[in-house]
Amino acid sequence: MHANEVPIDEPLVRRLLAAQFPGWAGLPLKRVESSGTVNAVYRLGDDLAVRLPRIPEGADDVVKERAWLPRLAPLLPFAVPEVLAVGVPGEGYPWHWAVLRWLDGELPVAGRLTDAGALAADLAGFVSAMRQVDLPGGPPAYRGGPLATVDDETRSATAELHGIIDTSAATAAWEAALAAPPWSGPPVWVHSDLMPMNLLTRQGRLSAVLDFATLGTGDPACDLIAAWNLLPAEARPAFRDILGADDAMWARGRGWALSMALIQLPYYRTTNPVIAGNAAYVIGEVLAAL
């Protein structure tokens, strides 16, 4: 459990619903097992979901998504979460929480894709649509700045992995990414957390993109991370071509994927096998590509 994690269970969720949204309080409620680390999710009836931040870092996410998702949704080619209601702190729970429309689908798994080429095109279509969004006043994206902002954290995590991965190769790969020319264009809209756990598929094709807590504007390279955390090597060129990523952008995107994985692996190695497993996969894919 995260040091500052708030305990959430079914009785608490039922009390919150009864107090604030009694019309939904009688529906069946079941916790959704997830490898996610920020939110607890419960399925409510057949068509709804309740999402509650578990840690302070997620406390503002509900309000942020409520503000931006209704404006983004009509501009995107795939389904995104629809926030139906926002609850307020109560019943001992300290933050805003949300009732959303349930989205059906399956989480994709790296190495087990049924049509990687088609999924690569779908992902590129989503990223391209995000870049073309013209909404003023967007917040800075969580990973929308230079790679140098996570240099210290990345190097510290790499040191923790000595004896577990080839830290010399990982450091060389990271330094190569840091050396790439920075983004010189205007900030564009990005999701900035396109991890497999934030994607839904149907019959192998992308159907929805979840968790826009990190959305905002910045360097579009951060949305290239799916090339390494999900897509196999043979599907990456098509993804890159559709997005028109030059060598510098591709290097920065690879750097973001590597940094995330290097930080996640030591942090989750003993507590979250799904995230740790994907992190190890990413590191292997990045190093193999150099």
C-alpha atoms as a PDB file:
ATOM      1  CA  MET A   1       0.000   0.000   0.000  1.00  0.00           C
ATOM      2  CA  HIS A   2       1.175   3.521  -0.801  1.00  0.00           C
ATOM      3  CA  ALA A   3       2.284   5.372   2.325  1.00  0.00           C
ATOM      4  CA  ASN A   4      -0.505   7.949   1.959  1.00  0.00           C
ATOM      5  CA  GLU A   5      -3.127   5.646   0.499  1.00  0.00           C
ATOM      6  CA  VAL A   6      -6.705   6.104   1.724  1.00  0.00           C
ATOM      7  CA  PRO A   7      -8.493   2.804   2.466  1.00  0.00           C
ATOM      8  CA  ILE A   8     -11.491   2.327   0.178  1.00  0.00           C
ATOM      9  CA  ASP A   9     -13.984  -0.520   0.411  1.00  0.00           C
ATOM     10  CA  GLU A  10     -17.487  -1.344  -0.755  1.00  0.00           C
ATOM     11  CA  PRO A  11     -19.279  -0.070   2.379  1.00  0.00           C
ATOM     12  CA  LEU A  12     -17.597   3.332   1.954  1.00  0.00           C
ATOM     13  CA  VAL A  13     -18.619   3.543  -1.706  1.00  0.00           C
ATOM     14  CA  ARG A  14     -22.191   2.580  -0.832  1.00  0.00           C
ATOM     15  CA  ARG A  15     -22.340   5.248   1.879  1.00  0.00           C
ATOM     16  CA  LEU A  16     -21.063   7.892  -0.538  1.00  0.00           C
ATOM     17  CA  LEU A  17     -23.622   6.894  -3.163  1.00  0.00           C
ATOM     18  CA  ALA A  18     -26.466   6.820  -0.650  1.00  0.00           C
ATOM     19  CA  ALA A  19     -25.586  10.255   0.680  1.00  0.00           C
ATOM     20  CA  GLN A  20     -24.916  12.010  -2.619  1.00  0.00           C
ATOM     21  CA  PHE A  21     -26.505  10.029  -5.473  1.00  0.00           C
ATOM     22  CA  PRO A  22     -29.284   7.954  -3.902  1.00  0.00           C
ATOM     23  CA  GLY A  23     -30.768   7.113  -7.296  1.00  0.00           C
ATOM     24  CA  TRP A  24     -27.777   4.886  -7.975  1.00  0.00           C
ATOM     25  CA  ALA A  25     -27.277   3.585  -4.452  1.00  0.00           C
ATOM     26  CA  GLY A  26     -29.296   0.411  -4.934  1.00  0.00           C
ATOM     27  CA  LEU A  27     -27.423  -0.853  -7.996  1.00  0.00           C
ATOM     28  CA  PRO A  28     -25.077  -3.842  -7.749  1.00  0.00           C
ATOM     29  CA  LEU A  29     -21.537  -2.813  -6.857  1.00  0.00           C
ATOM     30  CA  LYS A  30     -18.360  -4.776  -7.513  1.00  0.00           C
ATOM     31  CA  ARG A  31     -14.719  -3.776  -7.245  1.00  0.00           C
ATOM     32  CA  VAL A  32     -12.785  -3.965 -10.504  1.00  0.00           C
ATOM     33  CA  GLU A  33      -9.423  -5.649 -10.061  1.00  0.00           C
ATOM     34  CA  SER A  34      -6.805  -3.433 -11.644  1.00  0.00           C
ATOM     35  CA  SER A  35      -3.057  -2.946 -11.724  1.00  0.00           C
ATOM     36  CA  GLY A  36      -3.630   0.805 -11.571  1.00  0.00           C
ATOM     37  CA  THR A  37      -1.998   2.558  -8.646  1.00  0.00           C
ATOM     38  CA  VAL A  38      -3.917   5.838  -8.337  1.00  0.00           C
ATOM     39  CA  ASN A  39      -7.642   5.013  -8.382  1.00  0.00           C
ATOM     40  CA  ALA A  40     -10.017   2.421  -7.005  1.00  0.00           C
ATOM     41  CA  VAL A  41     -12.704   1.483  -9.537  1.00  0.00           C
ATOM     42  CA  TYR A  42     -16.049  -0.172  -8.884  1.00  0.00           C
ATOM     43  CA  ARG A  43     -18.556  -1.320 -11.470  1.00  0.00           C
ATOM     44  CA  LEU A  44     -21.991   0.040 -10.640  1.00  0.00           C
ATOM     45  CA  GLY A  45     -24.831  -1.865 -12.241  1.00  0.00           C
ATOM     46  CA  ASP A  46     -24.303  -2.726 -15.901  1.00  0.00           C
ATOM     47  CA  ASP A  47     -23.600   0.713 -17.314  1.00  0.00           C
ATOM     48  CA  LEU A  48     -21.763   2.757 -14.680  1.00  0.00           C
ATOM     49  CA  ALA A  49     -18.456   2.888 -12.841  1.00  0.00           C
ATOM     50  CA  VAL A  50     -17.364   4.653  -9.659  1.00  0.00           C
ATOM     51  CA  ARG A  51     -13.773   5.892  -9.540  1.00  0.00           C
ATOM     52  CA  LEU A  52     -12.158   7.164  -6.357  1.00  0.00           C
ATOM     53  CA  PRO A  53      -8.576   8.437  -5.993  1.00  0.00           C
ATOM     54  CA  ARG A  54      -6.626   6.410  -3.452  1.00  0.00           C
ATOM     55  CA  ILE A  55      -3.615   8.694  -3.040  1.00  0.00           C
ATOM     56  CA  PRO A  56      -3.117  12.476  -2.739  1.00  0.00           C
ATOM     57  CA  GLU A  57      -1.462  12.648  -6.173  1.00  0.00           C
ATOM     58  CA  GLY A  58      -4.791  11.721  -7.762  1.00  0.00           C
ATOM     59  CA  ALA A  59      -6.941  14.117  -5.748  1.00  0.00           C
ATOM     60  CA  ASP A  60      -7.339  16.714  -8.516  1.00  0.00           C
ATOM     61  CA  ASP A  61      -7.781  14.263 -11.389  1.00  0.00           C
ATOM     62  CA  VAL A  62     -11.571  14.035 -11.190  1.00  0.00           C
ATOM     63  CA  VAL A  63     -12.063  17.785 -11.436  1.00  0.00           C
ATOM     64  CA  LYS A  64      -9.527  18.034 -14.269  1.00  0.00           C
ATOM     65  CA  GLU A  65     -11.212  15.330 -16.309  1.00  0.00           C
ATOM     66  CA  ARG A  66     -14.660  16.788 -15.665  1.00  0.00           C
ATOM     67  CA  ALA A  67     -13.449  20.094 -17.066  1.00  0.00           C
ATOM     68  CA  TRP A  68     -11.737  18.799 -20.220  1.00  0.00           C
ATOM     69  CA  LEU A  69     -13.165  15.443 -21.294  1.00  0.00           C
ATOM     70  CA  PRO A  70     -16.562  16.770 -22.454  1.00  0.00           C
ATOM     71  CA  ARG A  71     -14.711  19.205 -24.706  1.00  0.00           C
ATOM     72  CA  LEU A  72     -12.209  16.658 -25.981  1.00  0.00           C
ATOM     73  CA  ALA A  73     -14.579  13.748 -26.570  1.00  0.00           C
ATOM     74  CA  PRO A  74     -16.235  15.078 -29.770  1.00  0.00           C
ATOM     75  CA  LEU A  75     -12.803  15.711 -31.285  1.00  0.00           C
ATOM     76  CA  LEU A  76     -11.367  12.221 -30.748  1.00  0.00           C
ATOM     77  CA  PRO A  77     -11.876   9.076 -32.847  1.00  0.00           C
ATOM     78  CA  PHE A  78     -12.223   6.665 -29.920  1.00  0.00           C
ATOM     79  CA  ALA A  79     -14.337   6.570 -26.789  1.00  0.00           C
ATOM     80  CA  VAL A  80     -13.081   8.337 -23.680  1.00  0.00           C
ATOM     81  CA  PRO A  81     -14.469   8.342 -20.149  1.00  0.00           C
ATOM     82  CA  GLU A  82     -17.757  10.192 -19.725  1.00  0.00           C
ATOM     83  CA  VAL A  83     -18.057  11.754 -16.286  1.00  0.00           C
ATOM     84  CA  LEU A  84     -21.737  11.660 -15.320  1.00  0.00           C
ATOM     85  CA  ALA A  85     -21.435  13.065 -11.824  1.00  0.00           C
ATOM     86  CA  VAL A  86     -18.771  14.287  -9.431  1.00  0.00           C
ATOM     87  CA  GLY A  87     -19.056  13.524  -5.756  1.00  0.00           C
ATOM     88  CA  VAL A  88     -17.596  15.637  -2.985  1.00  0.00           C
ATOM     89  CA  PRO A  89     -15.658  14.627   0.143  1.00  0.00           C
ATOM     90  CA  GLY A  90     -17.790  12.886   2.723  1.00  0.00           C
ATOM     91  CA  GLU A  91     -18.259   9.807   4.895  1.00  0.00           C
ATOM     92  CA  GLY A  92     -14.621  10.101   5.921  1.00  0.00           C
ATOM     93  CA  TYR A  93     -13.414  10.132   2.314  1.00  0.00           C
ATOM     94  CA  PRO A  94     -11.288  13.263   1.658  1.00  0.00           C
ATOM     95  CA  TRP A  95     -11.483  13.995  -2.092  1.00  0.00           C
ATOM     96  CA  HIS A  96     -13.747  14.427  -5.088  1.00  0.00           C
ATOM     97  CA  TRP A  97     -14.786  11.198  -6.787  1.00  0.00           C
ATOM     98  CA  ALA A  98     -16.738  10.378  -9.932  1.00  0.00           C
ATOM     99  CA  VAL A  99     -19.481   8.272 -11.453  1.00  0.00           C
ATOM    100  CA  LEU A 100     -18.712   7.502 -15.084  1.00  0.00           C
ATOM    101  CA  ARG A 101     -20.212   5.618 -17.990  1.00  0.00           C
ATOM    102  CA  TRP A 102     -18.856   2.052 -18.057  1.00  0.00           C
ATOM    103  CA  LEU A 103     -16.695   1.301 -21.104  1.00  0.00           C
ATOM    104  CA  ASP A 104     -16.445  -2.313 -22.258  1.00  0.00           C
ATOM    105  CA  GLY A 105     -13.258  -3.740 -23.676  1.00  0.00           C
ATOM    106  CA  GLU A 106     -10.103  -5.707 -22.993  1.00  0.00           C
ATOM    107  CA  LEU A 107      -6.726  -4.431 -21.864  1.00  0.00           C
ATOM    108  CA  PRO A 108      -4.078  -5.130 -24.506  1.00  0.00           C
ATOM    109  CA  VAL A 109      -0.995  -7.063 -23.431  1.00  0.00           C
ATOM    110  CA  ALA A 110       2.416  -6.518 -24.993  1.00  0.00           C
ATOM    111  CA  GLY A 111       3.534  -9.639 -26.810  1.00  0.00           C
ATOM    112  CA  ARG A 112      -0.015 -10.958 -27.144  1.00  0.00           C
ATOM    113  CA  LEU A 113      -1.576  -8.631 -29.732  1.00  0.00           C
ATOM    114  CA  THR A 114      -3.788 -10.203 -32.381  1.00  0.00           C
ATOM    115  CA  ASP A 115      -3.232  -7.519 -35.036  1.00  0.00           C
ATOM    116  CA  ALA A 116      -0.360  -5.262 -34.042  1.00  0.00           C
ATOM    117  CA  GLY A 117      -0.358  -3.391 -37.347  1.00  0.00           C
ATOM    118  CA  ALA A 118      -3.985  -2.395 -37.066  1.00  0.00           C
ATOM    119  CA  LEU A 119      -3.589  -1.424 -33.420  1.00  0.00           C
ATOM    120  CA  ALA A 120      -0.551   0.688 -34.324  1.00  0.00           C
ATOM    121  CA  ALA A 121      -2.657   2.572 -36.863  1.00  0.00           C
ATOM    122  CA  ASP A 122      -5.435   3.039 -34.316  1.00  0.00           C
ATOM    123  CA  LEU A 123      -3.035   4.401 -31.710  1.00  0.00           C
ATOM    124  CA  ALA A 124      -1.466   6.746 -34.234  1.00  0.00           C
ATOM    125  CA  GLY A 125      -4.927   7.963 -35.190  1.00  0.00           C
ATOM    126  CA  PHE A 126      -5.696   8.784 -31.576  1.00  0.00           C
ATOM    127  CA  VAL A 127      -2.376  10.562 -30.998  1.00  0.00           C
ATOM    128  CA  SER A 128      -2.772  12.513 -34.238  1.00  0.00           C
ATOM    129  CA  ALA A 129      -6.272  13.603 -33.272  1.00  0.00           C
ATOM    130  CA  MET A 130      -5.034  14.771 -29.864  1.00  0.00           C
ATOM    131  CA  ARG A 131      -2.324  16.851 -31.532  1.00  0.00           C
ATOM    132  CA  GLN A 132      -4.887  18.533 -33.753  1.00  0.00           C
ATOM    133  CA  VAL A 133      -7.157  19.588 -30.881  1.00  0.00           C
ATOM    134  CA  ASP A 134      -7.560  23.355 -30.813  1.00  0.00           C
ATOM    135  CA  LEU A 135      -8.759  24.170 -27.310  1.00  0.00           C
ATOM    136  CA  PRO A 136      -7.189  27.180 -25.608  1.00  0.00           C
ATOM    137  CA  GLY A 137      -6.036  27.234 -22.024  1.00  0.00           C
ATOM    138  CA  GLY A 138      -4.904  23.644 -21.700  1.00  0.00           C
ATOM    139  CA  PRO A 139      -2.820  22.805 -18.628  1.00  0.00           C
ATOM    140  CA  PRO A 140       0.814  21.760 -19.011  1.00  0.00           C
ATOM    141  CA  ALA A 141       0.920  18.018 -19.647  1.00  0.00           C
ATOM    142  CA  TYR A 142       2.467  15.845 -16.963  1.00  0.00           C
ATOM    143  CA  ARG A 143       5.199  14.648 -19.349  1.00  0.00           C
ATOM    144  CA  GLY A 144       5.033  17.531 -21.786  1.00  0.00           C
ATOM    145  CA  GLY A 145       8.343  19.141 -20.877  1.00  0.00           C
ATOM    146  CA  PRO A 146      11.973  18.248 -21.564  1.00  0.00           C
ATOM    147  CA  LEU A 147      13.361  14.834 -20.647  1.00  0.00           C
ATOM    148  CA  ALA A 148      15.861  16.599 -18.419  1.00  0.00           C
ATOM    149  CA  THR A 149      13.076  17.199 -15.875  1.00  0.00           C
ATOM    150  CA  VAL A 150      13.248  13.490 -14.927  1.00  0.00           C
ATOM    151  CA  ASP A 151      17.012  13.010 -15.306  1.00  0.00           C
ATOM    152  CA  ASP A 152      17.821  12.734 -11.604  1.00  0.00           C
ATOM    153  CA  GLU A 153      14.948  10.343 -10.906  1.00  0.00           C
ATOM    154  CA  THR A 154      15.808   8.197 -13.918  1.00  0.00           C
ATOM    155  CA  ARG A 155      19.480   7.891 -12.996  1.00  0.00           C
ATOM    156  CA  SER A 156      18.659   7.095  -9.373  1.00  0.00           C
ATOM    157  CA  ALA A 157      16.247   4.347 -10.416  1.00  0.00           C
ATOM    158  CA  THR A 158      18.791   2.944 -12.873  1.00  0.00           C
ATOM    159  CA  ALA A 159      21.355   2.666 -10.073  1.00  0.00           C
ATOM    160  CA  GLU A 160      18.842   0.621  -8.048  1.00  0.00           C
ATOM    161  CA  LEU A 161      18.632  -1.868 -10.909  1.00  0.00           C
ATOM    162  CA  HIS A 162      22.340  -2.737 -10.887  1.00  0.00           C
ATOM    163  CA  GLY A 163      22.630  -6.511 -11.244  1.00  0.00           C
ATOM    164  CA  ILE A 164      19.051  -6.783 -12.534  1.00  0.00           C
ATOM    165  CA  ILE A 165      19.420  -5.113 -15.935  1.00  0.00           C
ATOM    166  CA  ASP A 166      22.348  -3.936 -18.026  1.00  0.00           C
ATOM    167  CA  THR A 167      22.627  -0.548 -16.342  1.00  0.00           C
ATOM    168  CA  SER A 168      25.502   0.564 -18.567  1.00  0.00           C
ATOM    169  CA  ALA A 169      23.421   0.031 -21.692  1.00  0.00           C
ATOM    170  CA  ALA A 170      20.384   1.647 -20.070  1.00  0.00           C
ATOM    171  CA  THR A 171      22.422   4.693 -19.065  1.00  0.00           C
ATOM    172  CA  ALA A 172      23.856   5.012 -22.573  1.00  0.00           C
ATOM    173  CA  ALA A 173      20.352   4.789 -24.051  1.00  0.00           C
ATOM    174  CA  TRP A 174      19.076   7.401 -21.626  1.00  0.00           C
ATOM    175  CA  GLU A 175      21.931   9.785 -22.374  1.00  0.00           C
ATOM    176  CA  ALA A 176      21.337   9.380 -26.106  1.00  0.00           C
ATOM    177  CA  ALA A 177      17.720  10.415 -25.579  1.00  0.00           C
ATOM    178  CA  LEU A 178      18.756  13.403 -23.474  1.00  0.00           C
ATOM    179  CA  ALA A 179      21.048  14.520 -26.294  1.00  0.00           C
ATOM    180  CA  ALA A 180      18.207  14.670 -28.839  1.00  0.00           C
ATOM    181  CA  PRO A 181      17.231  18.175 -29.981  1.00  0.00           C
ATOM    182  CA  PRO A 182      14.332  19.552 -27.898  1.00  0.00           C
ATOM    183  CA  TRP A 183      10.841  20.262 -29.216  1.00  0.00           C
ATOM    184  CA  SER A 184      10.819  23.678 -30.873  1.00  0.00           C
ATOM    185  CA  GLY A 185       7.217  23.818 -32.027  1.00  0.00           C
ATOM    186  CA  PRO A 186       4.155  25.093 -30.180  1.00  0.00           C
ATOM    187  CA  PRO A 187       2.767  22.916 -27.380  1.00  0.00           C
ATOM    188  CA  VAL A 188       0.153  20.439 -28.585  1.00  0.00           C
ATOM    189  CA  TRP A 189      -2.441  18.383 -26.745  1.00  0.00           C
ATOM    190  CA  VAL A 190      -1.204  15.031 -25.449  1.00  0.00           C
ATOM    191  CA  HIS A 191      -2.516  12.249 -23.246  1.00  0.00           C
ATOM    192  CA  SER A 192       1.017  11.569 -21.902  1.00  0.00           C
ATOM    193  CA  ASP A 193       0.253   8.239 -20.196  1.00  0.00           C
ATOM    194  CA  LEU A 194      -0.536   5.816 -23.026  1.00  0.00           C
ATOM    195  CA  MET A 195       0.222   2.705 -20.996  1.00  0.00           C
ATOM    196  CA  PRO A 196      -1.503  -0.579 -21.920  1.00  0.00           C
ATOM    197  CA  MET A 197      -3.598  -0.333 -18.743  1.00  0.00           C
ATOM    198  CA  ASN A 198      -5.092   2.913 -20.073  1.00  0.00           C
ATOM    199  CA  LEU A 199      -6.277   1.388 -23.349  1.00  0.00           C
ATOM    200  CA  LEU A 200      -9.269  -0.782 -24.191  1.00  0.00           C
ATOM    201  CA  THR A 201      -9.563  -3.003 -27.241  1.00  0.00           C
ATOM    202  CA  ARG A 202     -12.242  -5.045 -28.958  1.00  0.00           C
ATOM    203  CA  GLN A 203     -11.181  -7.896 -31.225  1.00  0.00           C
ATOM    204  CA  GLY A 204      -7.667  -6.484 -31.150  1.00  0.00           C
ATOM    205  CA  ARG A 205      -8.595  -2.965 -32.268  1.00  0.00           C
ATOM    206  CA  LEU A 206      -8.492   0.129 -30.090  1.00  0.00           C
ATOM    207  CA  SER A 207     -11.937   0.996 -28.738  1.00  0.00           C
ATOM    208  CA  ALA A 208     -11.302   3.465 -25.905  1.00  0.00           C
ATOM    209  CA  VAL A 209      -8.602   5.445 -24.144  1.00  0.00           C
ATOM    210  CA  LEU A 210      -8.823   5.844 -20.367  1.00  0.00           C
ATOM    211  CA  ASP A 211      -7.380   7.976 -17.571  1.00  0.00           C
ATOM    212  CA  PHE A 212      -6.732  11.481 -18.837  1.00  0.00           C
ATOM    213  CA  ALA A 213      -5.328  12.711 -15.530  1.00  0.00           C
ATOM    214  CA  THR A 214      -2.007  13.547 -17.200  1.00  0.00           C
ATOM    215  CA  LEU A 215      -3.505  15.324 -20.218  1.00  0.00           C
ATOM    216  CA  GLY A 216      -2.425  18.767 -21.285  1.00  0.00           C
ATOM    217  CA  THR A 217      -0.214  20.483 -23.805  1.00  0.00           C
ATOM    218  CA  GLY A 218       3.487  20.099 -24.473  1.00  0.00           C
ATOM    219  CA  ASP A 219       6.014  18.135 -26.506  1.00  0.00           C
ATOM    220  CA  PRO A 220       4.151  15.490 -28.566  1.00  0.00           C
ATOM    221  CA  ALA A 221       7.013  13.013 -28.106  1.00  0.00           C
ATOM    222  CA  CYS A 222       5.554  11.772 -24.807  1.00  0.00           C
ATOM    223  CA  ASP A 223       2.678  10.090 -26.659  1.00  0.00           C
ATOM    224  CA  LEU A 224       5.111   7.890 -28.579  1.00  0.00           C
ATOM    225  CA  ILE A 225       5.647   5.691 -25.502  1.00  0.00           C
ATOM    226  CA  ALA A 226       3.134   3.142 -26.811  1.00  0.00           C
ATOM    227  CA  ALA A 227       5.665   2.235 -29.506  1.00  0.00           C
ATOM    228  CA  TRP A 228       7.756   0.499 -26.840  1.00  0.00           C
ATOM    229  CA  ASN A 229       5.363  -0.367 -24.018  1.00  0.00           C
ATOM    230  CA  LEU A 230       2.879  -2.170 -26.279  1.00  0.00           C
ATOM    231  CA  LEU A 231       3.757  -2.395 -29.968  1.00  0.00           C
ATOM    232  CA  PRO A 232       6.244  -4.982 -31.257  1.00  0.00           C
ATOM    233  CA  ALA A 233       9.254  -3.852 -33.257  1.00  0.00           C
ATOM    234  CA  GLU A 234       7.681  -4.698 -36.601  1.00  0.00           C
ATOM    235  CA  ALA A 235       4.679  -2.409 -35.965  1.00  0.00           C
ATOM    236  CA  ARG A 236       6.674   0.628 -34.850  1.00  0.00           C
ATOM    237  CA  PRO A 237       7.635   1.967 -38.306  1.00  0.00           C
ATOM    238  CA  ALA A 238       3.993   2.314 -39.353  1.00  0.00           C
ATOM    239  CA  PHE A 239       3.137   4.051 -36.079  1.00  0.00           C
ATOM    240  CA  ARG A 240       6.053   6.428 -36.570  1.00  0.00           C
ATOM    241  CA  ASP A 241       5.276   7.108 -40.218  1.00  0.00           C
ATOM    242  CA  ILE A 242       1.643   7.984 -39.583  1.00  0.00           C
ATOM    243  CA  LEU A 243       2.706  10.485 -36.926  1.00  0.00           C
ATOM    244  CA  GLY A 244       5.582  11.896 -38.965  1.00  0.00           C
ATOM    245  CA  ALA A 245       8.027  11.612 -36.070  1.00  0.00           C
ATOM    246  CA  ASP A 246      11.497  12.803 -37.046  1.00  0.00           C
ATOM    247  CA  ASP A 247      14.634  11.339 -35.494  1.00  0.00           C
ATOM    248  CA  ALA A 248      14.658  13.827 -32.621  1.00  0.00           C
ATOM    249  CA  MET A 249      11.024  13.243 -31.677  1.00  0.00           C
ATOM    250  CA  TRP A 250      11.450   9.485 -31.944  1.00  0.00           C
ATOM    251  CA  ALA A 251      14.501   9.630 -29.673  1.00  0.00           C
ATOM    252  CA  ARG A 252      12.648  11.717 -27.084  1.00  0.00           C
ATOM    253  CA  GLY A 253       9.672   9.356 -27.193  1.00  0.00           C
ATOM    254  CA  ARG A 254      11.968   6.392 -26.675  1.00  0.00           C
ATOM    255  CA  GLY A 255      13.554   8.298 -23.804  1.00  0.00           C
ATOM    256  CA  TRP A 256      10.191   8.822 -22.123  1.00  0.00           C
ATOM    257  CA  ALA A 257       9.343   5.126 -22.473  1.00  0.00           C
ATOM    258  CA  LEU A 258      12.724   4.145 -21.034  1.00  0.00           C
ATOM    259  CA  SER A 259      12.573   6.622 -18.161  1.00  0.00           C
ATOM    260  CA  MET A 260       9.116   5.501 -17.128  1.00  0.00           C
ATOM    261  CA  ALA A 261      10.167   1.861 -17.199  1.00  0.00           C
ATOM    262  CA  LEU A 262      13.404   2.422 -15.293  1.00  0.00           C
ATOM    263  CA  ILE A 263      11.500   4.276 -12.565  1.00  0.00           C
ATOM    264  CA  GLN A 264       8.649   1.770 -12.407  1.00  0.00           C
ATOM    265  CA  LEU A 265      10.694  -1.422 -12.250  1.00  0.00           C
ATOM    266  CA  PRO A 266      12.421  -0.940  -8.885  1.00  0.00           C
ATOM    267  CA  TYR A 267       9.380   0.796  -7.395  1.00  0.00           C
ATOM    268  CA  TYR A 268       6.865  -1.932  -8.316  1.00  0.00           C
ATOM    269  CA  ARG A 269       9.097  -5.003  -8.582  1.00  0.00           C
ATOM    270  CA  THR A 270       7.738  -6.597  -5.412  1.00  0.00           C
ATOM    271  CA  THR A 271       4.280  -4.994  -5.223  1.00  0.00           C
ATOM    272  CA  ASN A 272       2.752  -4.776  -8.706  1.00  0.00           C
ATOM    273  CA  PRO A 273       3.791  -7.574 -11.074  1.00  0.00           C
ATOM    274  CA  VAL A 274       1.800  -6.208 -14.016  1.00  0.00           C
ATOM    275  CA  ILE A 275       3.480  -2.804 -14.038  1.00  0.00           C
ATOM    276  CA  ALA A 276       6.882  -4.301 -13.214  1.00  0.00           C
ATOM    277  CA  GLY A 277       6.522  -6.866 -15.981  1.00  0.00           C
ATOM    278  CA  ASN A 278       5.655  -4.209 -18.537  1.00  0.00           C
ATOM    279  CA  ALA A 279       8.562  -2.067 -17.344  1.00  0.00           C
ATOM    280  CA  ALA A 280      10.994  -4.948 -17.850  1.00  0.00           C
ATOM    281  CA  TYR A 281       9.518  -5.525 -21.317  1.00  0.00           C
ATOM    282  CA  VAL A 282       9.995  -1.863 -22.235  1.00  0.00           C
ATOM    283  CA  ILE A 283      13.600  -1.807 -21.097  1.00  0.00           C
ATOM    284  CA  GLY A 284      14.327  -4.894 -23.169  1.00  0.00           C
ATOM    285  CA  GLU A 285      12.606  -3.440 -26.245  1.00  0.00           C
ATOM    286  CA  VAL A 286      14.391  -0.088 -26.008  1.00  0.00           C
ATOM    287  CA  LEU A 287      17.826  -1.632 -25.545  1.00  0.00           C
ATOM    288  CA  ALA A 288      17.225  -4.124 -28.364  1.00  0.00           C
ATOM    289  CA  ALA A 289      16.293  -1.275 -30.721  1.00  0.00           C
ATOM    290  CA  LEU A 290      19.571   0.609 -30.285  1.00  0.00           C
END
